[in-house]
Amino acid sequence: MQVNGELVFLAEGEGLFISPEVLHTTKTMQTDGSYYSLNVQTKILSFFLGSLMEQKYVLPYLKQQRWLHLNQGDLSQEKILSQIKQINQIYLNQSDFAWEYQIAVLLVSCWQEIIQAQEQLSLPADKKQLQHQKRMQLLLNFVQENYMRELRLSEMAQAAHISISECTRSFKKFTDYSPYEYLLQYRIKKAAEKLLQTDLTVEQIAIQTGFKDASSFIQAFKRRVGLTPLKYRKNYQN
């Protein structure tokens, strides 16, 4: 993983807690590797809008740019990892009575352990680092809002009010990709979602995700995913 410009290696069984304001991206995994992520709505942790729990134990932690590498050598972190595995198993099975409630209870328990381990959370070093992160967030937002059309590097740089060279350095530092490669990766991600969630043709998906034509889309998709779009759809849809 790339977290706030820092490369973090995860061994089997380890995990990461990442607050919403932290920039992160998944890097290359082993060919037989896999991972799952939990994106948690704050209202699950707060119980209701404006609650005491929300004001004392949720918002103060989410507003700070924090992340935590969950290791198996720490008892409290092992408990969090175990609960995450339980959540995933319950979600996959969906067989127990009130399984949704079981997940909610486990999520709250995980959160309690995480905030108790707050002194282990990595914080940005200084205001300059925060400025770089906010600038990078502008760049990422611009790409994610405009990926479906042709984008120039100068447009990306202008969105964050920086030079083209600084734009390139920022992408490399925080994502380990060039601006163009990040754009392609994001287009591939959105295309993969459309392949599985819609019945659109490959040609339609290519145009909707910013590729010039189906041929360039198929080539880029196969190079990065290892399958053609149609093979990917056949293997993973439903």
Protein backbone atom coordinates (compact mmCIF):
# COMPACT_ATOMS: atom_id res chain seq x y z
CA MET A 1 0.00 0.00 0.00
CA GLN A 2 0.99 3.61 -0.59
CA VAL A 3 -0.22 5.68 2.41
CA ASN A 4 0.35 9.45 2.42
CA GLY A 5 3.36 8.94 0.19
CA GLU A 6 4.81 6.18 2.37
CA LEU A 7 5.15 2.64 1.05
CA VAL A 8 3.67 0.15 3.54
CA PHE A 9 4.22 -3.59 3.08
CA LEU A 10 1.48 -5.86 4.40
CA ALA A 11 2.26 -9.46 5.25
CA GLU A 12 -0.37 -12.18 5.23
CA GLY A 13 -2.91 -11.61 7.99
CA GLU A 14 -2.03 -7.94 8.56
CA GLY A 15 -4.24 -4.92 7.91
CA LEU A 16 -4.56 -1.16 7.85
CA PHE A 17 -6.93 1.30 9.43
CA ILE A 18 -7.08 4.44 7.29
CA SER A 19 -9.12 7.52 8.14
CA PRO A 20 -11.11 9.24 5.34
CA GLU A 21 -8.63 12.10 4.94
CA VAL A 22 -5.60 9.89 4.34
CA LEU A 23 -4.45 9.43 0.73
CA HIS A 24 -3.84 5.79 -0.12
CA THR A 25 -3.65 3.39 -3.03
CA THR A 26 -3.16 -0.34 -3.43
CA LYS A 27 0.09 -1.42 -5.02
CA THR A 28 1.17 -4.64 -6.74
CA MET A 29 0.25 -7.84 -4.91
CA GLN A 30 1.48 -11.39 -5.26
CA THR A 31 -0.26 -13.25 -8.07
CA ASP A 32 -2.21 -15.39 -5.60
CA GLY A 33 -2.79 -12.57 -3.11
CA SER A 34 -6.13 -11.02 -2.17
CA TYR A 35 -7.55 -8.54 0.32
CA TYR A 36 -10.88 -7.14 1.40
CA SER A 37 -11.80 -3.69 2.64
CA LEU A 38 -14.45 -2.37 5.01
CA ASN A 39 -15.79 1.09 4.21
CA VAL A 40 -17.74 2.09 7.30
CA GLN A 41 -20.45 4.73 7.49
CA THR A 42 -19.88 6.95 10.53
CA LYS A 43 -23.52 6.72 11.60
CA ILE A 44 -22.94 3.04 12.47
CA LEU A 45 -20.29 4.13 14.96
CA SER A 46 -22.23 7.17 16.19
CA PHE A 47 -25.60 5.40 16.65
CA PHE A 48 -27.43 8.63 15.76
CA LEU A 49 -26.61 12.09 14.44
CA GLY A 50 -25.28 14.43 17.14
CA SER A 51 -24.84 11.69 19.72
CA LEU A 52 -22.30 11.91 22.54
CA MET A 53 -20.38 9.03 20.97
CA GLU A 54 -20.18 10.91 17.67
CA GLN A 55 -18.89 14.10 19.31
CA LYS A 56 -16.36 12.41 21.63
CA TYR A 57 -15.28 9.22 19.94
CA VAL A 58 -15.94 9.45 16.20
CA LEU A 59 -15.57 12.89 14.63
CA PRO A 60 -12.39 13.93 16.52
CA TYR A 61 -10.57 10.86 15.21
CA LEU A 62 -11.91 10.94 11.67
CA LYS A 63 -10.98 14.59 11.14
CA GLN A 64 -7.32 13.87 11.82
CA GLN A 65 -5.19 12.27 9.13
CA ARG A 66 -4.42 9.03 10.91
CA TRP A 67 -3.65 5.48 9.90
CA LEU A 68 -2.64 2.37 11.78
CA HIS A 69 -0.70 -0.67 10.58
CA LEU A 70 -2.41 -3.65 12.23
CA ASN A 71 0.14 -6.30 13.20
CA GLN A 72 -0.34 -9.79 14.58
CA GLY A 73 2.27 -9.28 17.28
CA ASP A 74 0.09 -6.84 19.25
CA LEU A 75 -2.79 -8.31 21.29
CA SER A 76 -5.22 -5.42 20.78
CA GLN A 77 -4.44 -5.28 17.06
CA GLU A 78 -4.82 -9.05 16.76
CA LYS A 79 -8.30 -8.62 18.26
CA ILE A 80 -9.16 -6.03 15.59
CA LEU A 81 -7.89 -8.31 12.81
CA SER A 82 -9.87 -11.23 14.21
CA GLN A 83 -13.06 -9.16 14.33
CA ILE A 84 -12.53 -8.00 10.74
CA LYS A 85 -12.24 -11.63 9.65
CA GLN A 86 -15.45 -12.42 11.53
CA ILE A 87 -17.24 -9.54 9.80
CA ASN A 88 -16.12 -10.77 6.40
CA GLN A 89 -17.21 -14.34 7.14
CA ILE A 90 -20.62 -13.27 8.42
CA TYR A 91 -21.14 -11.08 5.36
CA LEU A 92 -20.18 -13.88 2.97
CA ASN A 93 -22.48 -16.40 4.66
CA GLN A 94 -25.43 -14.16 5.56
CA SER A 95 -27.01 -17.21 7.18
CA ASP A 96 -27.27 -16.37 10.88
CA PHE A 97 -30.30 -14.64 12.34
CA ALA A 98 -29.82 -10.84 12.36
CA TRP A 99 -26.42 -11.14 10.69
CA GLU A 100 -26.45 -7.42 9.87
CA TYR A 101 -26.74 -6.62 13.57
CA GLN A 102 -23.82 -8.93 14.34
CA ILE A 103 -21.68 -6.99 11.88
CA ALA A 104 -22.72 -3.65 13.41
CA VAL A 105 -21.75 -4.84 16.90
CA LEU A 106 -18.37 -6.08 15.70
CA LEU A 107 -17.70 -2.80 13.85
CA VAL A 108 -18.32 -0.77 17.01
CA SER A 109 -16.04 -3.11 18.97
CA CYS A 110 -13.31 -2.70 16.32
CA TRP A 111 -13.64 1.07 16.50
CA GLN A 112 -13.27 1.06 20.29
CA GLU A 113 -10.02 -0.89 19.97
CA ILE A 114 -8.74 1.47 17.26
CA ILE A 115 -9.31 4.67 19.21
CA GLN A 116 -7.74 3.09 22.29
CA ALA A 117 -4.63 2.51 20.19
CA GLN A 118 -4.55 6.16 19.05
CA GLU A 119 -1.00 6.73 20.33
CA GLN A 120 0.17 4.23 17.72
CA LEU A 121 -1.46 6.08 14.85
CA SER A 122 0.88 7.76 12.36
CA LEU A 123 0.27 11.51 12.05
CA PRO A 124 1.48 13.93 9.38
CA ALA A 125 4.83 15.40 10.36
CA ASP A 126 4.01 19.08 9.83
CA LYS A 127 1.87 21.68 8.08
CA LYS A 128 3.91 21.36 4.90
CA GLN A 129 3.01 17.68 4.70
CA LEU A 130 -0.66 18.55 5.17
CA GLN A 131 -0.41 21.10 2.36
CA HIS A 132 1.05 18.47 0.04
CA GLN A 133 -1.74 16.04 0.93
CA LYS A 134 -4.47 18.61 0.28
CA ARG A 135 -2.86 19.46 -3.04
CA MET A 136 -2.77 15.79 -3.97
CA GLN A 137 -6.41 15.41 -3.02
CA LEU A 138 -7.28 18.18 -5.47
CA LEU A 139 -5.42 16.31 -8.20
CA LEU A 140 -7.13 13.02 -7.44
CA ASN A 141 -10.57 14.65 -7.25
CA PHE A 142 -10.01 16.28 -10.63
CA VAL A 143 -9.04 12.97 -12.26
CA GLN A 144 -11.95 11.11 -10.68
CA GLU A 145 -14.44 13.76 -11.79
CA ASN A 146 -13.11 14.06 -15.35
CA TYR A 147 -11.66 10.65 -16.25
CA MET A 148 -14.37 10.04 -18.87
CA ARG A 149 -12.96 12.69 -21.20
CA GLU A 150 -9.54 13.43 -22.67
CA LEU A 151 -7.31 14.96 -20.00
CA ARG A 152 -4.12 16.92 -20.42
CA LEU A 153 -1.38 17.02 -17.81
CA SER A 154 -1.59 20.81 -17.84
CA GLU A 155 -5.27 20.60 -16.81
CA MET A 156 -4.44 18.38 -13.86
CA ALA A 157 -1.70 20.74 -12.72
CA GLN A 158 -3.97 23.74 -13.08
CA ALA A 159 -6.63 22.06 -10.89
CA ALA A 160 -4.16 22.09 -7.97
CA HIS A 161 -2.53 25.43 -8.94
CA ILE A 162 0.90 23.85 -9.43
CA SER A 163 3.38 23.37 -12.24
CA ILE A 164 3.37 20.33 -14.50
CA SER A 165 6.65 19.10 -13.01
CA GLU A 166 5.28 19.44 -9.47
CA CYS A 167 2.12 17.63 -10.55
CA THR A 168 4.21 14.72 -11.81
CA ARG A 169 6.30 14.63 -8.61
CA SER A 170 3.16 14.67 -6.44
CA PHE A 171 1.57 11.74 -8.26
CA LYS A 172 4.78 9.74 -8.02
CA LYS A 173 5.22 10.48 -4.32
CA PHE A 174 1.67 9.75 -3.18
CA THR A 175 0.57 7.03 -5.63
CA ASP A 176 3.85 5.74 -7.08
CA TYR A 177 2.28 6.26 -10.52
CA SER A 178 2.78 8.89 -13.17
CA PRO A 179 -0.30 11.10 -13.71
CA TYR A 180 -1.09 9.28 -16.95
CA GLU A 181 -0.74 5.82 -15.40
CA TYR A 182 -2.97 6.80 -12.46
CA LEU A 183 -5.57 8.05 -14.94
CA LEU A 184 -5.41 4.75 -16.84
CA GLN A 185 -5.64 2.73 -13.63
CA TYR A 186 -8.71 4.70 -12.55
CA ARG A 187 -10.34 4.28 -15.97
CA ILE A 188 -9.71 0.53 -15.80
CA LYS A 189 -11.23 0.42 -12.31
CA LYS A 190 -14.41 2.20 -13.46
CA ALA A 191 -14.57 0.06 -16.60
CA ALA A 192 -14.30 -3.13 -14.51
CA GLU A 193 -17.24 -1.95 -12.41
CA LYS A 194 -19.33 -1.33 -15.53
CA LEU A 195 -18.42 -4.73 -16.94
CA LEU A 196 -19.82 -6.44 -13.85
CA GLN A 197 -22.70 -4.13 -13.04
CA THR A 198 -24.15 -3.34 -16.49
CA ASP A 199 -24.88 -5.00 -19.83
CA LEU A 200 -23.13 -2.28 -21.81
CA THR A 201 -20.99 -3.38 -24.73
CA VAL A 202 -17.21 -3.14 -24.62
CA GLU A 203 -17.40 -0.29 -27.12
CA GLN A 204 -19.86 1.66 -24.95
CA ILE A 205 -17.79 1.14 -21.80
CA ALA A 206 -14.63 2.22 -23.63
CA ILE A 207 -16.18 5.55 -24.62
CA GLN A 208 -17.80 6.14 -21.22
CA THR A 209 -14.49 5.63 -19.39
CA GLY A 210 -12.39 7.93 -21.53
CA PHE A 211 -10.75 5.60 -24.04
CA LYS A 212 -10.56 6.65 -27.68
CA ASP A 213 -11.90 3.36 -28.97
CA ALA A 214 -12.55 -0.26 -28.03
CA SER A 215 -9.18 -1.43 -29.31
CA SER A 216 -7.14 0.85 -27.02
CA PHE A 217 -9.43 -0.04 -24.10
CA ILE A 218 -9.03 -3.80 -24.61
CA GLN A 219 -5.26 -3.46 -24.89
CA ALA A 220 -4.95 -1.34 -21.74
CA PHE A 221 -7.37 -3.54 -19.78
CA LYS A 222 -5.61 -6.80 -20.65
CA ARG A 223 -2.16 -5.36 -19.88
CA ARG A 224 -3.20 -4.33 -16.37
CA VAL A 225 -5.80 -6.96 -15.43
CA GLY A 226 -4.47 -9.94 -17.32
CA LEU A 227 -7.80 -10.66 -19.04
CA THR A 228 -9.74 -9.16 -21.90
CA PRO A 229 -12.83 -7.19 -20.82
CA LEU A 230 -15.21 -9.90 -22.07
CA LYS A 231 -13.22 -12.66 -20.34
CA TYR A 232 -13.24 -10.61 -17.13
CA ARG A 233 -17.02 -10.20 -17.37
CA LYS A 234 -17.51 -13.90 -18.05
CA ASN A 235 -15.31 -14.94 -15.12
CA TYR A 236 -16.59 -12.55 -12.46
CA GLN A 237 -20.12 -11.40 -13.28
CA ASN A 238 -22.66 -12.93 -10.87
